Amino acid sequence: MNNFSNQHRNYQPHRNWVTEFEPKWIKDGIDESAIKFTDNFGKFLSHKLSSSQIRNVYGELKRIQMKGIKDEKTSFLLLKPKLAYAAARDNAKGLLPLKDVFNKAFEAVEISDLTKAEKQFENFMDFMEAILAYHKSYGGK
């Protein structure tokens, strides 16, 4: 655990992505500001993170999406600790900014209200897909 603490202490993001994230993108839907954010964030990640690292998270999200958030609520809830673990193991620190933004987006999904959660999870998926698309378009490893 000490290694994880050292990583967080040494983690200096290019900019504060978490404060730029707007929960409305998950609660209400993607807008132009979300596209601009995902473009900039995907570009930033393209220099920090491999496609396979993003795809590991994205693949699990797609599996949850296919089965439905109502049936996969537990799997969705477990993504946050799984990503925290992966980020702690990541020596290049590329997963830390993704984990931080992921957590903010994750928290915007009102999982206690499954009716709202369904639409918000779809918005969450759109947001993550946009990050992945921009990451790849900027030559993500």
C-alpha atoms as a PDB file:
ATOM      1  CA  MET A   1       0.000   0.000   0.000  1.00  0.00           C
ATOM      2  CA  ASN A   2       2.947   2.292   0.618  1.00  0.00           C
ATOM      3  CA  ASN A   3       3.823   2.159  -3.086  1.00  0.00           C
ATOM      4  CA  PHE A   4       0.301   3.377  -3.904  1.00  0.00           C
ATOM      5  CA  SER A   5       0.679   6.316  -1.512  1.00  0.00           C
ATOM      6  CA  ASN A   6       3.985   7.246  -3.126  1.00  0.00           C
ATOM      7  CA  GLN A   7       2.379   7.158  -6.573  1.00  0.00           C
ATOM      8  CA  HIS A   8      -0.388   9.515  -5.493  1.00  0.00           C
ATOM      9  CA  ARG A   9       2.093  11.870  -3.844  1.00  0.00           C
ATOM     10  CA  ASN A  10       4.237  11.977  -6.999  1.00  0.00           C
ATOM     11  CA  TYR A  11       1.294  12.198  -9.390  1.00  0.00           C
ATOM     12  CA  GLN A  12       1.311  15.612 -11.052  1.00  0.00           C
ATOM     13  CA  PRO A  13      -1.387  15.788 -13.723  1.00  0.00           C
ATOM     14  CA  HIS A  14      -0.917  18.007 -16.754  1.00  0.00           C
ATOM     15  CA  ARG A  15      -4.012  19.828 -15.560  1.00  0.00           C
ATOM     16  CA  ASN A  16      -6.682  19.168 -13.007  1.00  0.00           C
ATOM     17  CA  TRP A  17      -8.973  16.939 -15.030  1.00  0.00           C
ATOM     18  CA  VAL A  18     -11.198  16.144 -12.058  1.00  0.00           C
ATOM     19  CA  THR A  19     -12.173  19.764 -11.474  1.00  0.00           C
ATOM     20  CA  GLU A  20     -12.928  20.188 -15.188  1.00  0.00           C
ATOM     21  CA  PHE A  21     -15.263  17.182 -15.187  1.00  0.00           C
ATOM     22  CA  GLU A  22     -18.949  18.102 -15.045  1.00  0.00           C
ATOM     23  CA  PRO A  23     -21.369  15.578 -13.498  1.00  0.00           C
ATOM     24  CA  LYS A  24     -24.131  16.907 -15.777  1.00  0.00           C
ATOM     25  CA  TRP A  25     -22.504  14.972 -18.648  1.00  0.00           C
ATOM     26  CA  ILE A  26     -23.491  11.762 -16.887  1.00  0.00           C
ATOM     27  CA  LYS A  27     -26.707  12.943 -15.256  1.00  0.00           C
ATOM     28  CA  ASP A  28     -28.171  14.788 -18.274  1.00  0.00           C
ATOM     29  CA  GLY A  29     -26.178  13.644 -21.313  1.00  0.00           C
ATOM     30  CA  ILE A  30     -23.184  14.494 -23.420  1.00  0.00           C
ATOM     31  CA  ASP A  31     -22.921  18.036 -24.749  1.00  0.00           C
ATOM     32  CA  GLU A  32     -20.294  20.067 -26.624  1.00  0.00           C
ATOM     33  CA  SER A  33     -18.305  20.761 -23.462  1.00  0.00           C
ATOM     34  CA  ALA A  34     -18.115  17.006 -22.789  1.00  0.00           C
ATOM     35  CA  ILE A  35     -16.802  16.404 -26.297  1.00  0.00           C
ATOM     36  CA  LYS A  36     -14.150  19.081 -25.813  1.00  0.00           C
ATOM     37  CA  PHE A  37     -13.162  17.561 -22.467  1.00  0.00           C
ATOM     38  CA  THR A  38     -12.960  13.998 -23.862  1.00  0.00           C
ATOM     39  CA  ASP A  39     -10.922  15.268 -26.818  1.00  0.00           C
ATOM     40  CA  ASN A  40      -8.376  16.974 -24.551  1.00  0.00           C
ATOM     41  CA  PHE A  41      -8.358  14.142 -22.029  1.00  0.00           C
ATOM     42  CA  GLY A  42      -8.019  11.460 -24.707  1.00  0.00           C
ATOM     43  CA  LYS A  43      -5.084  13.366 -26.182  1.00  0.00           C
ATOM     44  CA  PHE A  44      -3.454  13.642 -22.751  1.00  0.00           C
ATOM     45  CA  LEU A  45      -3.971   9.924 -22.090  1.00  0.00           C
ATOM     46  CA  SER A  46      -2.532   8.965 -25.483  1.00  0.00           C
ATOM     47  CA  HIS A  47       0.903   9.858 -24.110  1.00  0.00           C
ATOM     48  CA  LYS A  48       0.367   8.152 -20.754  1.00  0.00           C
ATOM     49  CA  LEU A  49      -1.691   5.036 -21.264  1.00  0.00           C
ATOM     50  CA  SER A  50      -1.850   2.053 -23.587  1.00  0.00           C
ATOM     51  CA  SER A  51      -5.031   1.144 -25.429  1.00  0.00           C
ATOM     52  CA  SER A  52      -5.101  -2.203 -23.646  1.00  0.00           C
ATOM     53  CA  GLN A  53      -5.173  -0.466 -20.253  1.00  0.00           C
ATOM     54  CA  ILE A  54      -8.238   1.551 -21.258  1.00  0.00           C
ATOM     55  CA  ARG A  55      -9.826  -1.412 -23.012  1.00  0.00           C
ATOM     56  CA  ASN A  56      -9.606  -3.540 -19.843  1.00  0.00           C
ATOM     57  CA  VAL A  57     -11.921  -1.078 -18.103  1.00  0.00           C
ATOM     58  CA  TYR A  58     -14.023  -0.466 -21.192  1.00  0.00           C
ATOM     59  CA  GLY A  59     -14.470  -4.193 -21.848  1.00  0.00           C
ATOM     60  CA  GLU A  60     -15.941  -4.709 -18.403  1.00  0.00           C
ATOM     61  CA  LEU A  61     -18.247  -1.718 -18.929  1.00  0.00           C
ATOM     62  CA  LYS A  62     -19.458  -3.182 -22.245  1.00  0.00           C
ATOM     63  CA  ARG A  63     -20.169  -6.514 -20.541  1.00  0.00           C
ATOM     64  CA  ILE A  64     -22.232  -4.706 -17.903  1.00  0.00           C
ATOM     65  CA  GLN A  65     -24.002  -2.720 -20.607  1.00  0.00           C
ATOM     66  CA  MET A  66     -24.957  -5.869 -22.528  1.00  0.00           C
ATOM     67  CA  LYS A  67     -26.478  -7.524 -19.448  1.00  0.00           C
ATOM     68  CA  GLY A  68     -28.019  -4.330 -18.112  1.00  0.00           C
ATOM     69  CA  ILE A  69     -27.159  -2.224 -15.106  1.00  0.00           C
ATOM     70  CA  LYS A  70     -30.114  -3.657 -13.158  1.00  0.00           C
ATOM     71  CA  ASP A  71     -28.640  -7.158 -13.387  1.00  0.00           C
ATOM     72  CA  GLU A  72     -25.019  -6.033 -13.067  1.00  0.00           C
ATOM     73  CA  LYS A  73     -25.243  -3.442 -10.297  1.00  0.00           C
ATOM     74  CA  THR A  74     -22.670  -5.276  -8.160  1.00  0.00           C
ATOM     75  CA  SER A  75     -20.253  -5.616 -11.087  1.00  0.00           C
ATOM     76  CA  PHE A  76     -20.584  -1.898 -11.752  1.00  0.00           C
ATOM     77  CA  LEU A  77     -19.959  -1.031  -8.108  1.00  0.00           C
ATOM     78  CA  LEU A  78     -16.850  -3.235  -8.078  1.00  0.00           C
ATOM     79  CA  LEU A  79     -15.293  -1.391 -11.028  1.00  0.00           C
ATOM     80  CA  LYS A  80     -14.192   1.465  -8.802  1.00  0.00           C
ATOM     81  CA  PRO A  81     -12.031  -0.679  -6.479  1.00  0.00           C
ATOM     82  CA  LYS A  82     -10.753  -2.741  -9.427  1.00  0.00           C
ATOM     83  CA  LEU A  83      -9.562   0.396 -11.204  1.00  0.00           C
ATOM     84  CA  ALA A  84      -8.014   1.688  -7.969  1.00  0.00           C
ATOM     85  CA  TYR A  85      -6.063  -1.559  -7.702  1.00  0.00           C
ATOM     86  CA  ALA A  86      -4.944  -1.407 -11.346  1.00  0.00           C
ATOM     87  CA  ALA A  87      -3.838   2.214 -10.921  1.00  0.00           C
ATOM     88  CA  ALA A  88      -1.838   1.283  -7.820  1.00  0.00           C
ATOM     89  CA  ARG A  89      -0.017  -1.413  -9.800  1.00  0.00           C
ATOM     90  CA  ASP A  90       0.653   0.869 -12.780  1.00  0.00           C
ATOM     91  CA  ASN A  91       4.288   1.891 -12.580  1.00  0.00           C
ATOM     92  CA  ALA A  92       3.997   4.469 -15.387  1.00  0.00           C
ATOM     93  CA  LYS A  93       1.170   6.265 -13.539  1.00  0.00           C
ATOM     94  CA  GLY A  94      -0.904   6.414 -16.710  1.00  0.00           C
ATOM     95  CA  LEU A  95      -3.970   4.979 -15.034  1.00  0.00           C
ATOM     96  CA  LEU A  96      -4.104   7.538 -12.220  1.00  0.00           C
ATOM     97  CA  PRO A  97      -5.668  10.360 -14.251  1.00  0.00           C
ATOM     98  CA  LEU A  98      -8.133   7.917 -15.844  1.00  0.00           C
ATOM     99  CA  LYS A  99      -9.026   6.524 -12.420  1.00  0.00           C
ATOM    100  CA  ASP A 100      -9.617  10.019 -11.038  1.00  0.00           C
ATOM    101  CA  VAL A 101     -11.936  11.058 -13.878  1.00  0.00           C
ATOM    102  CA  PHE A 102     -13.592   7.621 -13.935  1.00  0.00           C
ATOM    103  CA  ASN A 103     -14.381   7.986 -10.218  1.00  0.00           C
ATOM    104  CA  LYS A 104     -16.048  11.370 -10.756  1.00  0.00           C
ATOM    105  CA  ALA A 105     -18.133  10.001 -13.624  1.00  0.00           C
ATOM    106  CA  PHE A 106     -18.904   6.845 -11.629  1.00  0.00           C
ATOM    107  CA  GLU A 107     -20.155   8.922  -8.692  1.00  0.00           C
ATOM    108  CA  ALA A 108     -22.537  10.810 -10.996  1.00  0.00           C
ATOM    109  CA  VAL A 109     -24.464   7.589 -11.739  1.00  0.00           C
ATOM    110  CA  GLU A 110     -27.306   7.419  -9.222  1.00  0.00           C
ATOM    111  CA  ILE A 111     -27.109   3.677  -8.746  1.00  0.00           C
ATOM    112  CA  SER A 112     -29.628   3.703  -5.863  1.00  0.00           C
ATOM    113  CA  ASP A 113     -32.345   4.726  -8.351  1.00  0.00           C
ATOM    114  CA  LEU A 114     -32.153   2.076 -11.075  1.00  0.00           C
ATOM    115  CA  THR A 115     -34.548   3.970 -13.339  1.00  0.00           C
ATOM    116  CA  LYS A 116     -32.208   6.972 -13.411  1.00  0.00           C
ATOM    117  CA  ALA A 117     -29.155   4.726 -13.343  1.00  0.00           C
ATOM    118  CA  GLU A 118     -30.042   3.109 -16.674  1.00  0.00           C
ATOM    119  CA  LYS A 119     -29.943   6.392 -18.602  1.00  0.00           C
ATOM    120  CA  GLN A 120     -26.999   7.719 -16.617  1.00  0.00           C
ATOM    121  CA  PHE A 121     -25.064   4.510 -17.245  1.00  0.00           C
ATOM    122  CA  GLU A 122     -25.656   4.985 -20.991  1.00  0.00           C
ATOM    123  CA  ASN A 123     -24.322   8.548 -20.684  1.00  0.00           C
ATOM    124  CA  PHE A 124     -21.375   7.158 -18.719  1.00  0.00           C
ATOM    125  CA  MET A 125     -20.720   4.688 -21.552  1.00  0.00           C
ATOM    126  CA  ASP A 126     -20.895   7.476 -24.163  1.00  0.00           C
ATOM    127  CA  PHE A 127     -18.405   9.480 -22.112  1.00  0.00           C
ATOM    128  CA  MET A 128     -15.980   6.553 -21.796  1.00  0.00           C
ATOM    129  CA  GLU A 129     -16.351   5.679 -25.504  1.00  0.00           C
ATOM    130  CA  ALA A 130     -15.460   9.255 -26.439  1.00  0.00           C
ATOM    131  CA  ILE A 131     -12.323   9.145 -24.280  1.00  0.00           C
ATOM    132  CA  LEU A 132     -11.297   5.840 -25.855  1.00  0.00           C
ATOM    133  CA  ALA A 133     -11.972   7.122 -29.378  1.00  0.00           C
ATOM    134  CA  TYR A 134      -9.930  10.268 -28.887  1.00  0.00           C
ATOM    135  CA  HIS A 135      -7.156   8.324 -27.170  1.00  0.00           C
ATOM    136  CA  LYS A 136      -6.901   6.084 -30.225  1.00  0.00           C
ATOM    137  CA  SER A 137      -7.207   8.968 -32.698  1.00  0.00           C
ATOM    138  CA  TYR A 138      -4.210  10.660 -31.090  1.00  0.00           C
ATOM    139  CA  GLY A 139      -2.112   7.524 -31.485  1.00  0.00           C
ATOM    140  CA  GLY A 140      -2.590   5.967 -28.069  1.00  0.00           C
ATOM    141  CA  LYS A 141      -0.049   3.209 -27.662  1.00  0.00           C
END
